[in-house]
Protein backbone atom coordinates (compact mmCIF):
# COMPACT_ATOMS: atom_id res chain seq x y z
CA MET A 1 -143.39 -48.58 -129.30
CA SER A 2 -139.90 -48.57 -127.79
CA THR A 3 -138.46 -46.48 -124.98
CA ILE A 4 -135.90 -43.84 -125.97
CA VAL A 5 -135.24 -42.19 -122.57
CA GLU A 6 -135.69 -43.62 -119.10
CA ALA A 7 -134.85 -42.22 -115.67
CA ARG A 8 -134.55 -44.62 -112.73
CA GLY A 9 -134.25 -43.30 -109.19
CA LEU A 10 -132.86 -40.00 -110.46
CA LYS A 11 -131.42 -37.75 -107.74
CA MET A 12 -129.78 -34.35 -108.02
CA TYR A 13 -128.55 -32.77 -104.79
CA PHE A 14 -126.73 -29.43 -104.48
CA PRO A 15 -124.47 -28.67 -101.50
CA VAL A 16 -125.45 -25.70 -99.35
CA GLY A 17 -122.49 -24.37 -97.35
CA ARG A 18 -119.42 -26.40 -96.44
CA THR A 19 -117.57 -27.40 -93.28
CA LEU A 20 -113.91 -26.60 -92.66
CA GLY A 21 -113.10 -30.03 -94.07
CA GLY A 22 -114.85 -29.19 -97.36
CA LYS A 23 -117.88 -31.43 -96.82
CA PRO A 24 -121.34 -30.00 -97.52
CA LYS A 25 -123.20 -28.89 -94.41
CA ARG A 26 -126.62 -29.46 -95.96
CA LEU A 27 -128.04 -30.73 -99.24
CA LEU A 28 -130.68 -29.08 -101.38
CA LYS A 29 -132.58 -32.03 -102.82
CA ALA A 30 -133.73 -30.53 -106.13
CA VAL A 31 -134.63 -33.94 -107.59
CA ASP A 32 -135.16 -36.84 -105.22
CA ASP A 33 -135.81 -40.35 -106.56
CA VAL A 34 -137.71 -39.59 -109.78
CA SER A 35 -138.43 -42.37 -112.30
CA PHE A 36 -140.22 -42.34 -115.66
CA SER A 37 -139.82 -43.47 -119.26
CA ILE A 38 -140.44 -41.69 -122.57
CA GLN A 39 -141.51 -43.56 -125.70
CA LYS A 40 -140.07 -42.77 -129.13
CA GLY A 41 -142.09 -40.21 -131.04
CA GLU A 42 -144.08 -39.03 -128.00
CA THR A 43 -144.16 -35.90 -125.85
CA PHE A 44 -143.75 -36.33 -122.10
CA GLY A 45 -145.08 -33.39 -120.09
CA LEU A 46 -143.44 -32.42 -116.80
CA VAL A 47 -145.47 -29.94 -114.73
CA GLY A 48 -145.40 -28.34 -111.32
CA GLU A 49 -144.93 -24.96 -109.67
CA SER A 50 -141.69 -22.99 -109.85
CA GLY A 51 -138.86 -24.58 -107.88
CA CYS A 52 -140.22 -28.14 -107.96
CA GLY A 53 -137.22 -29.49 -109.91
CA LYS A 54 -138.60 -29.68 -113.46
CA THR A 55 -135.72 -27.88 -115.14
CA THR A 56 -133.15 -29.80 -113.09
CA VAL A 57 -134.63 -33.07 -114.38
CA GLY A 58 -134.32 -31.82 -117.97
CA ARG A 59 -130.73 -30.68 -117.48
CA CYS A 60 -129.84 -34.06 -115.99
CA LEU A 61 -131.37 -35.93 -118.94
CA VAL A 62 -129.12 -34.13 -121.44
CA ARG A 63 -126.22 -34.33 -118.98
CA LEU A 64 -125.75 -30.62 -118.40
CA TYR A 65 -125.69 -31.86 -114.80
CA GLU A 66 -124.19 -35.14 -113.65
CA PRO A 67 -126.81 -36.60 -111.32
CA THR A 68 -125.96 -37.36 -107.71
CA ASP A 69 -127.47 -40.83 -108.03
CA GLY A 70 -129.73 -42.91 -110.27
CA GLN A 71 -129.62 -43.98 -113.89
CA ILE A 72 -130.45 -42.26 -117.18
CA PHE A 73 -130.89 -44.57 -120.15
CA PHE A 74 -130.75 -43.21 -123.68
CA ASP A 75 -131.47 -45.86 -126.31
CA GLY A 76 -130.62 -48.52 -123.73
CA GLN A 77 -127.27 -47.02 -122.66
CA ASP A 78 -126.82 -45.65 -119.14
CA ILE A 79 -125.34 -42.16 -119.64
CA ALA A 80 -125.80 -40.84 -116.09
CA HIS A 81 -122.10 -40.98 -115.22
CA LEU A 82 -120.37 -41.19 -118.61
CA GLY A 83 -117.23 -39.10 -119.09
CA GLU A 84 -117.02 -36.20 -121.53
CA LYS A 85 -115.54 -38.14 -124.47
CA PRO A 86 -117.98 -41.10 -124.35
CA LEU A 87 -120.83 -38.54 -124.10
CA ILE A 88 -119.98 -36.74 -127.36
CA PRO A 89 -122.02 -38.97 -129.73
CA TYR A 90 -124.99 -38.84 -127.33
CA ARG A 91 -124.87 -35.05 -127.05
CA ARG A 92 -125.45 -34.78 -130.80
CA ARG A 93 -128.65 -36.78 -130.45
CA MET A 94 -129.98 -34.86 -127.42
CA GLN A 95 -130.60 -31.12 -127.42
CA MET A 96 -132.33 -28.52 -125.27
CA ILE A 97 -134.51 -25.49 -125.95
CA PHE A 98 -134.00 -23.10 -123.04
CA GLN A 99 -136.65 -21.10 -121.23
CA ASP A 100 -135.27 -17.58 -121.74
CA PRO A 101 -134.97 -16.84 -125.47
CA TYR A 102 -132.58 -13.96 -124.80
CA SER A 103 -130.08 -14.96 -122.11
CA SER A 104 -129.59 -18.38 -123.76
CA LEU A 105 -128.25 -16.69 -126.91
CA ASP A 106 -124.76 -15.19 -127.21
CA SER A 107 -125.40 -11.49 -127.85
CA ARG A 108 -122.10 -11.19 -129.77
CA LEU A 109 -123.20 -13.60 -132.51
CA ASN A 110 -125.71 -12.94 -135.29
CA VAL A 111 -128.53 -15.31 -136.23
CA ALA A 112 -126.50 -17.29 -138.78
CA GLN A 113 -123.58 -17.71 -136.38
CA LEU A 114 -125.84 -18.82 -133.52
CA ILE A 115 -127.47 -21.55 -135.62
CA ALA A 116 -124.14 -22.60 -137.17
CA ASP A 117 -122.28 -22.85 -133.86
CA PRO A 118 -123.29 -26.50 -133.10
CA LEU A 119 -122.16 -27.48 -136.61
CA TYR A 120 -118.70 -26.02 -136.02
CA VAL A 121 -118.38 -27.52 -132.54
CA ASN A 122 -119.37 -31.02 -133.68
CA ARG A 123 -117.59 -30.80 -137.06
CA VAL A 124 -120.44 -32.38 -138.98
CA CYS A 125 -120.05 -30.31 -142.18
CA LYS A 126 -117.23 -30.52 -144.72
CA ASN A 127 -116.97 -26.82 -145.56
CA LYS A 128 -118.49 -23.38 -145.01
CA LYS A 129 -120.79 -23.71 -148.01
CA GLU A 130 -122.42 -26.79 -146.47
CA ILE A 131 -122.79 -24.96 -143.15
CA ASP A 132 -124.44 -21.97 -144.87
CA GLU A 133 -126.87 -24.31 -146.63
CA GLN A 134 -127.80 -25.97 -143.34
CA VAL A 135 -128.34 -22.60 -141.66
CA GLU A 136 -130.56 -21.33 -144.49
CA SER A 137 -132.56 -24.55 -144.43
CA MET A 138 -133.12 -24.35 -140.66
CA MET A 139 -134.14 -20.70 -140.83
CA GLU A 140 -136.77 -21.59 -143.41
CA ILE A 141 -138.04 -24.53 -141.35
CA VAL A 142 -138.58 -22.45 -138.19
CA GLY A 143 -139.96 -19.42 -140.03
CA LEU A 144 -137.06 -16.97 -139.84
CA ALA A 145 -136.81 -14.67 -142.86
CA PRO A 146 -133.49 -14.81 -144.78
CA ARG A 147 -133.06 -11.06 -144.27
CA LEU A 148 -132.52 -11.72 -140.54
CA LYS A 149 -129.38 -13.76 -141.15
CA ASN A 150 -127.08 -10.96 -140.01
CA ALA A 151 -129.33 -9.63 -137.24
CA TYR A 152 -128.33 -9.85 -133.56
CA PRO A 153 -130.56 -11.11 -130.71
CA HIS A 154 -131.17 -7.65 -129.24
CA GLU A 155 -132.67 -6.56 -132.58
CA LEU A 156 -135.36 -9.27 -132.51
CA ASP A 157 -138.53 -9.89 -130.55
CA GLY A 158 -139.05 -12.85 -128.20
CA GLY A 159 -140.75 -15.04 -130.80
CA ARG A 160 -137.90 -14.73 -133.29
CA ARG A 161 -135.34 -15.34 -130.55
CA GLN A 162 -137.10 -18.53 -129.56
CA ARG A 163 -137.15 -19.65 -133.19
CA ILE A 164 -133.37 -19.26 -133.17
CA GLY A 165 -133.25 -21.50 -130.10
CA ILE A 166 -135.37 -24.11 -131.86
CA ALA A 167 -133.25 -23.94 -135.03
CA ARG A 168 -130.06 -24.29 -132.99
CA ALA A 169 -131.46 -27.34 -131.19
CA LEU A 170 -132.55 -28.98 -134.47
CA VAL A 171 -129.52 -28.27 -136.66
CA LEU A 172 -127.70 -31.46 -135.55
CA ASN A 173 -130.81 -33.52 -136.36
CA PRO A 174 -131.30 -34.89 -132.82
CA LYS A 175 -133.80 -37.54 -131.79
CA PHE A 176 -134.66 -36.20 -128.34
CA ILE A 177 -135.25 -32.57 -127.27
CA VAL A 178 -135.82 -31.11 -123.81
CA CYS A 179 -138.20 -28.16 -124.17
CA ASP A 180 -137.74 -26.14 -120.98
CA GLU A 181 -140.76 -23.82 -120.81
CA PRO A 182 -140.16 -22.70 -124.40
CA VAL A 183 -143.24 -20.45 -124.54
CA SER A 184 -143.52 -19.08 -120.99
CA ALA A 185 -141.73 -15.81 -121.86
CA LEU A 186 -143.89 -15.14 -124.94
CA ASP A 187 -147.31 -13.57 -125.44
CA VAL A 188 -150.28 -15.78 -126.29
CA SER A 189 -150.29 -15.32 -130.07
CA ILE A 190 -146.56 -16.07 -130.31
CA GLN A 191 -146.99 -19.05 -127.97
CA ALA A 192 -149.40 -20.63 -130.43
CA GLN A 193 -146.97 -20.14 -133.32
CA ILE A 194 -144.05 -21.73 -131.42
CA LEU A 195 -146.20 -24.67 -130.24
CA ASN A 196 -147.39 -25.31 -133.79
CA ILE A 197 -143.80 -25.28 -135.04
CA LEU A 198 -142.78 -27.79 -132.35
CA MET A 199 -145.70 -30.10 -133.14
CA ASP A 200 -145.09 -29.93 -136.91
CA LEU A 201 -141.39 -30.69 -136.43
CA LYS A 202 -142.23 -33.59 -134.15
CA GLU A 203 -144.30 -35.20 -136.90
CA SER A 204 -141.97 -34.43 -139.82
CA ARG A 205 -138.73 -35.37 -138.04
CA LYS A 206 -140.05 -38.14 -135.76
CA LEU A 207 -138.82 -36.29 -132.67
CA THR A 208 -139.33 -37.12 -129.00
CA TYR A 209 -139.89 -34.29 -126.52
CA ILE A 210 -139.96 -33.76 -122.81
CA PHE A 211 -142.03 -30.61 -122.39
CA ILE A 212 -141.41 -28.76 -119.13
CA THR A 213 -143.99 -26.16 -118.12
CA HIS A 214 -146.18 -24.81 -115.34
CA ASP A 215 -149.00 -24.04 -117.80
CA LEU A 216 -151.41 -26.96 -117.64
CA SER A 217 -153.51 -25.85 -120.60
CA VAL A 218 -150.38 -25.90 -122.78
CA VAL A 219 -149.19 -29.29 -121.55
CA LYS A 220 -152.63 -30.81 -122.18
CA HIS A 221 -152.49 -29.57 -125.77
CA ILE A 222 -149.08 -31.00 -126.60
CA SER A 223 -148.38 -34.02 -124.33
CA ASP A 224 -149.08 -37.74 -124.56
CA ASP A 225 -148.11 -38.54 -120.95
CA ILE A 226 -147.75 -36.17 -117.99
CA ALA A 227 -145.89 -36.31 -114.68
CA VAL A 228 -146.70 -33.88 -111.86
CA MET A 229 -143.80 -32.85 -109.61
CA TYR A 230 -143.82 -31.27 -106.18
CA LEU A 231 -140.68 -30.27 -104.27
CA GLY A 232 -138.34 -32.63 -106.10
CA GLN A 233 -140.59 -35.68 -106.27
CA CYS A 234 -143.16 -37.03 -108.71
CA VAL A 235 -146.62 -37.21 -107.08
CA GLU A 236 -148.72 -38.40 -110.04
CA MET A 237 -148.12 -39.73 -113.54
CA ALA A 238 -150.58 -40.78 -116.24
CA SER A 239 -151.60 -40.25 -119.85
CA SER A 240 -152.73 -36.70 -120.62
CA SER A 241 -156.38 -37.63 -121.10
CA THR A 242 -156.50 -39.75 -117.91
CA LEU A 243 -154.83 -37.14 -115.73
CA PHE A 244 -157.23 -34.37 -116.76
CA LYS A 245 -160.34 -36.56 -116.51
CA ASN A 246 -159.51 -38.42 -113.29
CA PRO A 247 -156.78 -36.87 -111.12
CA TYR A 248 -156.13 -38.54 -107.75
CA HIS A 249 -153.48 -36.61 -105.83
CA PRO A 250 -154.76 -33.55 -103.91
CA TYR A 251 -151.97 -31.42 -105.40
CA THR A 252 -152.89 -32.43 -108.95
CA LYS A 253 -156.55 -31.69 -108.28
CA ALA A 254 -155.67 -28.24 -106.98
CA LEU A 255 -153.53 -27.48 -110.04
CA LEU A 256 -156.25 -28.57 -112.45
CA SER A 257 -158.91 -26.57 -110.62
CA ALA A 258 -156.88 -23.41 -111.25
CA ILE A 259 -157.11 -23.70 -115.05
CA PRO A 260 -159.35 -20.89 -116.40
CA VAL A 261 -162.53 -22.28 -118.01
CA PRO A 262 -164.09 -20.13 -120.78
CA ASN A 263 -167.61 -21.14 -119.79
CA LEU A 264 -169.95 -18.68 -118.04
CA SER A 265 -172.08 -21.50 -116.63
CA LYS A 266 -169.09 -22.55 -114.50
CA ARG A 267 -168.18 -19.07 -113.25
CA ASN A 268 -169.30 -19.94 -109.72
CA VAL A 269 -167.04 -23.02 -109.48
CA LYS A 270 -164.31 -22.07 -107.03
CA PRO A 271 -160.76 -23.37 -107.46
CA THR A 272 -159.17 -25.45 -104.72
CA ILE A 273 -156.92 -23.16 -102.68
CA ILE A 274 -153.54 -24.55 -101.62
CA ARG A 275 -152.80 -22.98 -98.26
CA GLY A 276 -149.47 -22.54 -96.56
CA GLU A 277 -145.97 -22.22 -97.99
CA VAL A 278 -143.85 -24.58 -100.06
CA GLY A 279 -141.64 -26.66 -97.77
CA ASN A 280 -137.87 -26.36 -97.54
CA PRO A 281 -136.04 -28.56 -100.10
CA ILE A 282 -132.89 -28.50 -97.94
CA ASN A 283 -132.67 -31.81 -96.06
CA PRO A 284 -136.46 -32.37 -96.08
CA ALA A 285 -137.90 -34.77 -93.52
CA PRO A 286 -139.13 -38.18 -94.74
CA GLY A 287 -142.76 -38.36 -95.74
CA CYS A 288 -145.09 -36.63 -98.18
CA ARG A 289 -143.66 -33.19 -98.98
CA PHE A 290 -147.13 -31.83 -99.68
CA ALA A 291 -148.44 -32.88 -96.23
CA ASN A 292 -148.07 -29.43 -94.61
CA ARG A 293 -150.42 -27.95 -97.25
CA CYS A 294 -152.81 -30.88 -97.72
CA ASP A 295 -156.33 -30.96 -96.23
CA TYR A 296 -156.18 -34.76 -96.04
CA ALA A 297 -152.81 -35.11 -94.28
CA CYS A 298 -152.55 -37.45 -91.29
CA ASP A 299 -149.90 -39.43 -89.40
CA LYS A 300 -149.56 -41.85 -92.34
CA CYS A 301 -148.14 -39.01 -94.45
CA ILE A 302 -145.23 -38.27 -92.12
CA GLY A 303 -142.07 -40.21 -91.35
CA THR A 304 -141.85 -42.49 -94.38
CA ASP A 305 -141.43 -41.53 -98.02
CA ILE A 306 -144.42 -42.53 -100.13
CA PRO A 307 -143.57 -44.18 -103.46
CA LEU A 308 -145.60 -44.01 -106.65
CA ARG A 309 -147.97 -46.93 -106.99
CA GLU A 310 -150.17 -47.98 -109.88
CA VAL A 311 -153.84 -47.37 -109.13
CA GLU A 312 -155.04 -48.02 -112.68
CA GLN A 313 -153.25 -49.24 -115.77
CA GLY A 314 -150.59 -46.64 -116.54
CA HIS A 315 -151.77 -44.29 -113.77
CA TYR A 316 -149.36 -43.84 -110.84
CA VAL A 317 -149.99 -41.85 -107.64
CA ALA A 318 -147.96 -41.18 -104.47
CA CYS A 319 -150.51 -40.67 -101.70
CA ALA A 320 -150.83 -42.47 -98.34
CA ARG A 321 -154.58 -41.76 -98.04
CA LEU A 322 -155.57 -42.49 -101.63
CA ALA A 323 -158.21 -45.10 -100.70
CA GLU A 324 -159.88 -42.66 -98.29
CA ILE A 325 -160.06 -39.56 -100.50
């Protein structure tokens, strides 16, 4: 199996305030030295609490952001710092499903216009008839009734809005899609429908996903490999089955212990409580960024950044005290 997307040392910093000379006073390190690879036809899960940098990683991969540093390879080509014109053919092959199924849609356009917009922008159809055929086909694929063709986003519920987002992402027939918490704003029954659509499309169209979420039960259901992020850095990465059976990092263990278990015999099992507050991502000090909340933290965890290292085949962990835990 070949690699379709790879991030190497990816960094995305945002300036916070500026001096009189125009230089940034401080840097918010949203993504700080993150590396991973995604195989063709697989789903790569990216999990962590809100503000850890998951969405920023996804936006960098499809070049909505130009990363501060690092490399992003798509089919072997480094696209991290490509200009707008060289990026055009790559943009057609990479798309994104946004988290909010309402604010990501232009309220002035109806369903047909929203789905057709990428076709007009990229000029991939010869005439309006061909565009209409593509729109009708995509609406059928994602389960939108033809009668909704002239409806506007405010007239639809969250599930139908998200189906529009999926149809819009798929209409250019991409190979790689960033799914940025595509079901977090939906109720449970609609979540299942959207997840089933995504999984069916993955099989039928040979798609590759990066699935960004904070819902571990969802990511277990859909992902082949999973990376856990905390405050801009990746702390653990493994296959889905390995991560859930044998987590190593204290943060990963705490996240997994919080998953509700529908088993009355385990009702007395208490989740691991993460104490304290999330650290400041603005100019963070070197060292483990989870140290101020970790029960196992010691002097080894402070002063030097801790890289991911392979503890088992395909299982990577960033922890200074791994051998002692």
